[in-house]
Protein backbone atom coordinates (compact mmCIF):
# COMPACT_ATOMS: atom_id res chain seq x y z
CA MET A 1 -2.40 -5.53 -35.72
CA THR A 2 -1.66 -8.54 -33.50
CA ASP A 3 -2.89 -9.75 -30.27
CA LEU A 4 0.26 -8.73 -28.69
CA PHE A 5 -0.23 -5.18 -29.76
CA PHE A 6 -3.78 -5.15 -28.26
CA ALA A 7 -2.47 -6.79 -25.09
CA ARG A 8 0.23 -4.14 -24.74
CA SER A 9 -2.07 -1.28 -25.53
CA GLN A 10 -4.56 -2.47 -22.95
CA MET A 11 -1.73 -2.69 -20.46
CA ALA A 12 -0.50 0.81 -21.31
CA MET A 13 -3.84 2.39 -20.77
CA SER A 14 -4.44 0.60 -17.62
CA LEU A 15 -0.99 1.32 -16.12
CA GLY A 16 -1.12 4.97 -17.41
CA PHE A 17 -4.35 5.83 -15.53
CA HIS A 18 -3.39 3.51 -12.58
CA ILE A 19 -0.08 5.18 -11.83
CA ILE A 20 -1.74 8.78 -12.03
CA PHE A 21 -4.68 8.11 -9.88
CA ALA A 22 -2.78 5.82 -7.43
CA ALA A 23 -0.15 8.50 -6.80
CA VAL A 24 -2.78 11.30 -6.39
CA GLY A 25 -5.24 9.05 -4.51
CA ILE A 26 -2.58 8.04 -1.97
CA GLY A 27 -0.89 11.44 -1.74
CA MET A 28 -3.96 13.61 -1.26
CA PRO A 29 -5.29 11.62 1.79
CA LEU A 30 -1.90 11.77 3.37
CA LEU A 31 -1.67 15.59 2.99
CA MET A 32 -5.20 15.76 4.49
CA ALA A 33 -4.03 13.60 7.43
CA VAL A 34 -0.96 15.94 7.93
CA ALA A 35 -3.26 19.01 7.83
CA GLU A 36 -5.68 17.45 10.23
CA GLY A 37 -2.94 16.42 12.65
CA ALA A 38 -1.56 19.98 12.52
CA HIS A 39 -4.97 21.24 13.45
CA LEU A 40 -5.40 18.80 16.38
CA ARG A 41 -1.86 19.77 17.63
CA THR A 42 -2.22 23.51 17.34
CA GLY A 43 -5.89 24.32 17.31
CA ASN A 44 -5.30 26.53 14.23
CA ARG A 45 -8.31 26.36 12.01
CA MET A 46 -6.23 27.31 9.04
CA TYR A 47 -5.14 23.66 8.97
CA ARG A 48 -8.53 22.41 9.20
CA GLU A 49 -9.75 24.47 6.30
CA LEU A 50 -6.67 23.41 4.24
CA ALA A 51 -7.64 19.75 4.83
CA GLU A 52 -11.35 20.44 3.84
CA ARG A 53 -10.21 22.19 0.73
CA TRP A 54 -8.11 19.09 -0.25
CA ALA A 55 -10.94 16.82 0.70
CA LYS A 56 -12.91 18.09 -2.34
CA GLY A 57 -10.40 16.81 -4.91
CA THR A 58 -10.12 13.63 -2.81
CA ALA A 59 -13.86 13.06 -3.07
CA VAL A 60 -13.64 12.90 -6.85
CA LEU A 61 -10.89 10.37 -6.72
CA PHE A 62 -12.99 8.46 -4.05
CA ALA A 63 -15.96 8.33 -6.36
CA ILE A 64 -13.80 7.00 -9.25
CA GLY A 65 -12.23 4.46 -6.80
CA ALA A 66 -15.47 3.22 -5.64
CA VAL A 67 -16.35 2.06 -9.21
CA SER A 68 -13.05 0.88 -10.39
CA GLY A 69 -12.14 -0.60 -7.02
CA THR A 70 -15.27 -2.72 -6.95
CA VAL A 71 -14.27 -4.18 -10.45
CA LEU A 72 -10.59 -4.49 -9.38
CA SER A 73 -11.52 -6.35 -6.19
CA PHE A 74 -13.43 -8.88 -8.33
CA GLU A 75 -10.53 -9.30 -10.62
CA LEU A 76 -8.00 -9.78 -7.73
CA GLY A 77 -10.26 -12.35 -6.30
CA LEU A 78 -9.99 -14.37 -9.48
CA LEU A 79 -6.20 -14.01 -9.57
CA TRP A 80 -5.52 -16.05 -6.42
CA GLN A 81 -5.91 -19.27 -8.39
CA VAL A 82 -3.70 -17.74 -11.13
CA VAL A 83 -0.92 -17.11 -8.61
CA ALA A 84 -1.36 -20.55 -7.02
CA GLU A 85 -1.01 -22.22 -10.50
CA ILE A 86 1.55 -20.10 -12.08
CA GLN A 87 3.73 -19.08 -9.22
CA PRO A 88 2.95 -21.62 -6.59
CA ALA A 89 6.28 -21.13 -4.64
CA LYS A 90 5.32 -17.44 -4.22
CA PHE A 91 1.76 -18.32 -3.16
CA ALA A 92 3.21 -20.80 -0.46
CA ALA A 93 5.64 -18.27 0.79
CA MET A 94 2.84 -15.53 1.32
CA GLU A 95 1.22 -17.97 3.75
CA ALA A 96 4.42 -19.62 4.82
CA HIS A 97 2.85 -22.93 3.59
CA TYR A 98 5.51 -25.68 3.76
CA GLU A 99 3.60 -28.91 3.29
CA THR A 100 1.45 -29.85 0.34
CA GLU A 101 -1.89 -30.82 1.84
CA PRO A 102 -5.63 -30.59 1.46
CA ALA A 103 -7.73 -28.08 3.54
CA ALA A 104 -4.62 -25.77 3.77
CA PRO A 105 -4.99 -23.13 6.42
CA ILE A 106 -4.28 -19.46 6.24
CA VAL A 107 -1.54 -18.54 8.76
CA ILE A 108 -1.95 -14.99 10.29
CA GLY A 109 1.23 -13.62 11.83
CA GLY A 110 3.86 -15.98 13.46
CA ILE A 111 7.54 -16.55 12.84
CA PRO A 112 8.21 -18.74 9.73
CA ASP A 113 10.95 -21.46 10.34
CA ASP A 114 12.42 -22.87 7.16
CA GLU A 115 14.62 -25.35 9.09
CA GLU A 116 11.69 -26.87 10.89
CA ARG A 117 9.21 -26.06 8.19
CA THR A 118 6.71 -24.66 10.46
CA VAL A 119 5.35 -21.23 11.75
CA HIS A 120 5.72 -20.47 15.38
CA TYR A 121 3.00 -18.44 17.25
CA GLY A 122 0.92 -18.18 14.10
CA ILE A 123 -2.95 -18.09 14.01
CA GLU A 124 -4.32 -20.71 11.60
CA ILE A 125 -7.64 -20.59 9.76
CA PRO A 126 -8.36 -24.29 8.61
CA GLY A 127 -9.16 -24.58 4.93
CA ALA A 128 -9.08 -20.95 4.13
CA LEU A 129 -6.05 -20.99 1.87
CA SER A 130 -7.63 -23.74 -0.09
CA PHE A 131 -10.79 -21.82 -0.54
CA LEU A 132 -8.84 -18.68 -1.41
CA ALA A 133 -6.93 -20.54 -4.13
CA TYR A 134 -9.51 -22.93 -5.52
CA ARG A 135 -12.88 -21.94 -3.97
CA ASP A 136 -12.88 -25.39 -2.21
CA VAL A 137 -11.94 -25.88 1.43
CA ASP A 138 -10.75 -29.42 0.73
CA ALA A 139 -8.53 -28.52 -2.37
CA GLU A 140 -4.93 -29.44 -2.22
CA VAL A 141 -2.39 -26.53 -2.04
CA THR A 142 1.23 -27.03 -3.08
CA GLY A 143 3.69 -26.34 -0.29
CA LEU A 144 7.27 -25.06 -0.41
CA GLU A 145 8.58 -28.70 0.19
CA ALA A 146 7.70 -29.42 -3.48
CA PHE A 147 10.48 -27.11 -4.75
CA PRO A 148 14.16 -27.32 -4.52
CA ARG A 149 15.49 -25.47 -1.44
CA ASP A 150 17.46 -22.92 -3.57
CA GLU A 151 14.20 -21.89 -5.38
CA TRP A 152 12.42 -20.75 -2.21
CA PRO A 153 11.90 -17.02 -1.84
CA ASN A 154 12.58 -15.45 1.61
CA THR A 155 9.61 -16.82 3.47
CA ARG A 156 9.62 -14.54 6.54
CA ILE A 157 10.03 -11.44 4.47
CA VAL A 158 7.21 -12.41 2.09
CA HIS A 159 4.80 -13.69 4.71
CA TRP A 160 5.35 -10.64 6.99
CA ALA A 161 5.02 -8.18 4.12
CA PHE A 162 1.79 -10.00 2.91
CA ASP A 163 0.37 -9.76 6.50
CA LEU A 164 1.48 -6.07 6.79
CA MET A 165 -0.48 -5.25 3.56
CA LEU A 166 -3.51 -7.04 4.72
CA LEU A 167 -3.33 -5.30 8.22
CA CYS A 168 -3.20 -1.88 6.60
CA ALA A 169 -6.10 -2.76 4.36
CA PHE A 170 -8.25 -3.82 7.24
CA LEU A 171 -7.18 -0.87 9.49
CA MET A 172 -8.24 1.65 6.64
CA LEU A 173 -11.51 -0.34 6.16
CA GLY A 174 -12.29 -0.21 9.64
CA ALA A 175 -11.73 3.70 9.63
CA VAL A 176 -14.02 3.88 6.62
CA ILE A 177 -16.75 1.88 8.39
CA TRP A 178 -16.26 3.88 11.57
CA GLY A 179 -16.89 7.15 9.66
CA ALA A 180 -19.84 5.71 7.74
CA VAL A 181 -21.63 4.53 10.91
CA GLN A 182 -21.13 7.99 12.44
CA TRP A 183 -22.46 9.74 9.34
CA ILE A 184 -25.54 7.46 9.19
CA ARG A 185 -26.13 8.15 12.94
CA ARG A 186 -25.79 11.87 12.91
CA ARG A 187 -26.25 12.86 9.23
CA GLU A 188 -23.12 14.97 9.22
CA VAL A 189 -19.39 14.52 8.44
CA PRO A 190 -17.67 13.05 11.60
CA ARG A 191 -15.56 15.73 13.39
CA GLY A 192 -14.88 14.01 16.78
CA THR A 193 -11.26 14.20 17.96
CA TRP A 194 -10.92 10.50 18.26
CA PHE A 195 -12.09 9.90 14.80
CA LEU A 196 -9.82 12.72 13.33
CA ARG A 197 -6.90 11.19 15.25
CA ALA A 198 -7.83 7.74 13.57
CA MET A 199 -7.68 9.47 10.22
CA VAL A 200 -4.34 10.93 10.96
CA PHE A 201 -3.20 7.54 11.86
CA THR A 202 -4.41 5.78 8.69
CA GLY A 203 -3.04 8.48 6.42
CA PRO A 204 0.36 6.79 5.78
CA LEU A 205 -1.07 3.20 5.76
CA GLY A 206 -1.74 3.48 2.03
CA PHE A 207 1.74 4.12 1.36
CA ILE A 208 2.82 1.23 3.60
CA ALA A 209 0.37 -1.24 2.02
CA ILE A 210 1.78 -0.39 -1.38
CA GLU A 211 5.30 -0.82 -0.53
CA ALA A 212 4.51 -4.07 1.29
CA GLY A 213 2.53 -5.38 -1.80
CA TRP A 214 5.74 -4.70 -3.97
CA VAL A 215 7.81 -6.49 -1.57
CA VAL A 216 5.49 -9.53 -1.78
CA THR A 217 5.69 -9.14 -5.69
CA GLU A 218 9.43 -8.84 -6.02
CA VAL A 219 10.76 -10.85 -3.25
CA GLY A 220 8.15 -13.51 -3.63
CA ARG A 221 9.31 -14.31 -7.21
CA GLN A 222 12.92 -14.77 -6.36
CA PRO A 223 15.23 -16.38 -7.32
CA TRP A 224 13.66 -15.78 -10.73
CA ILE A 225 13.35 -12.71 -12.91
CA ILE A 226 11.44 -14.73 -15.52
CA TYR A 227 9.65 -17.32 -13.49
CA GLY A 228 11.22 -20.85 -14.03
CA VAL A 229 13.22 -19.53 -17.03
CA MET A 230 15.93 -17.14 -15.92
CA ARG A 231 17.34 -16.40 -12.46
CA THR A 232 17.86 -12.83 -11.22
CA GLU A 233 21.66 -13.37 -10.98
CA GLU A 234 21.65 -14.37 -14.64
CA ALA A 235 19.86 -11.07 -15.74
CA VAL A 236 22.38 -8.60 -14.00
CA THR A 237 24.05 -6.48 -16.47
CA PRO A 238 27.78 -7.15 -16.48
CA MET A 239 28.91 -3.50 -16.44
CA GLU A 240 31.51 -1.68 -14.48
CA GLY A 241 31.02 1.67 -12.71
CA LEU A 242 27.24 1.10 -11.75
CA VAL A 243 27.89 2.74 -8.40
CA ALA A 244 28.28 6.14 -10.22
CA PRO A 245 24.67 6.32 -11.66
CA PHE A 246 23.43 4.57 -8.41
CA THR A 247 24.95 7.28 -6.23
CA THR A 248 23.70 10.01 -8.48
CA PHE A 249 20.21 9.13 -8.61
CA THR A 250 20.18 8.39 -4.91
CA ILE A 251 21.43 12.01 -4.17
CA LEU A 252 19.07 13.37 -6.68
CA TYR A 253 15.99 11.72 -5.03
CA LEU A 254 17.35 12.88 -1.53
CA VAL A 255 17.55 16.44 -2.75
CA LEU A 256 14.12 16.24 -4.29
CA SER A 257 12.73 14.85 -0.87
CA ILE A 258 14.30 17.81 0.93
CA VAL A 259 12.84 20.27 -1.39
CA LEU A 260 9.43 18.58 -1.14
CA VAL A 261 9.60 18.88 2.73
CA PHE A 262 10.66 22.47 2.45
CA ILE A 263 7.76 23.33 0.18
CA LEU A 264 5.13 21.53 2.34
CA ARG A 265 6.49 23.23 5.57
CA ARG A 266 6.28 26.59 3.78
CA GLN A 267 2.79 25.85 2.62
CA PHE A 268 1.60 24.82 6.11
CA LEU A 269 3.36 27.57 7.99
CA ALA A 270 2.55 30.47 5.69
CA PRO A 271 0.06 32.78 7.39
CA THR A 272 -3.40 33.23 5.86
CA ALA A 273 -4.44 36.61 4.33
CA GLU A 274 -6.58 37.30 7.44
CA GLU A 275 -3.52 36.59 9.73
CA SER A 276 -1.21 38.78 7.67
CA GLU A 277 -3.65 41.67 7.66
CA GLY A 278 -3.95 41.35 11.48
CA VAL A 279 -0.14 41.57 11.79
CA ARG A 280 0.05 44.60 9.60
CA GLY A 281 -2.69 46.37 11.55
CA PHE A 282 -1.00 45.49 14.83
CA ARG A 283 2.29 46.97 13.54
CA ALA A 284 0.61 50.17 12.36
CA ASP A 285 -0.91 50.59 15.75
CA VAL A 286 2.42 50.06 17.42
CA ASP A 287 4.13 52.52 15.18
CA ALA A 288 1.46 55.06 15.83
């Protein structure tokens, strides 16, 4: 057995569990948020009970995430320097960092301008990017100017996607802190209308954060498919008729999405046993 075998086995185990827990961990809270939203809109307690029932399964995932997420956060904190050293162009694009300089700032928001090599209307935190990459506020961070112009990723897309991912993370963190404070003060699960509305609002943010993160990953490494070795355009399969499988799979996923929406609507709109019994009793009284 070689080192490559063990490396691939470790990656297979990590990704296998990651994909399952990530899909369920993101999907369940979203379903809870939809149910809570339906309860707030209609006042029907059935939706509230449905959300509470799904919350039991989500609690198990949260317990697992609280442990694995802490370790993962520590690992990701160590990866910033790896990205800055191995894929410096991506790292620079994430913060729209054009000039190589010490005490490099983090730029929040703004409109990156590749022609003028600046960010309009952005908010800068001096030295934060240097500290994030090298744990030293005076460290020098390589800017996009160090690379040929045709090797730059799309700065605006990467920077905005990165900021969107972090915005979603902080909004969800804020909702968690709000709920924790409410529980500490009252020693009960928060049930206020505004808190529940906040939970409904944060429901889709996990999906948005994941997609934004993938945009950062995939757009940020352009124009390379193997960084510094092979360009994406060189790896495209020279095959005719690719439109046929592309169209087929697109239609397939559209159909599956429609079926999913139909099943969820049926799940939500189906009457409970008590409601069905009440309707049957009402009809029996009318017939009598």
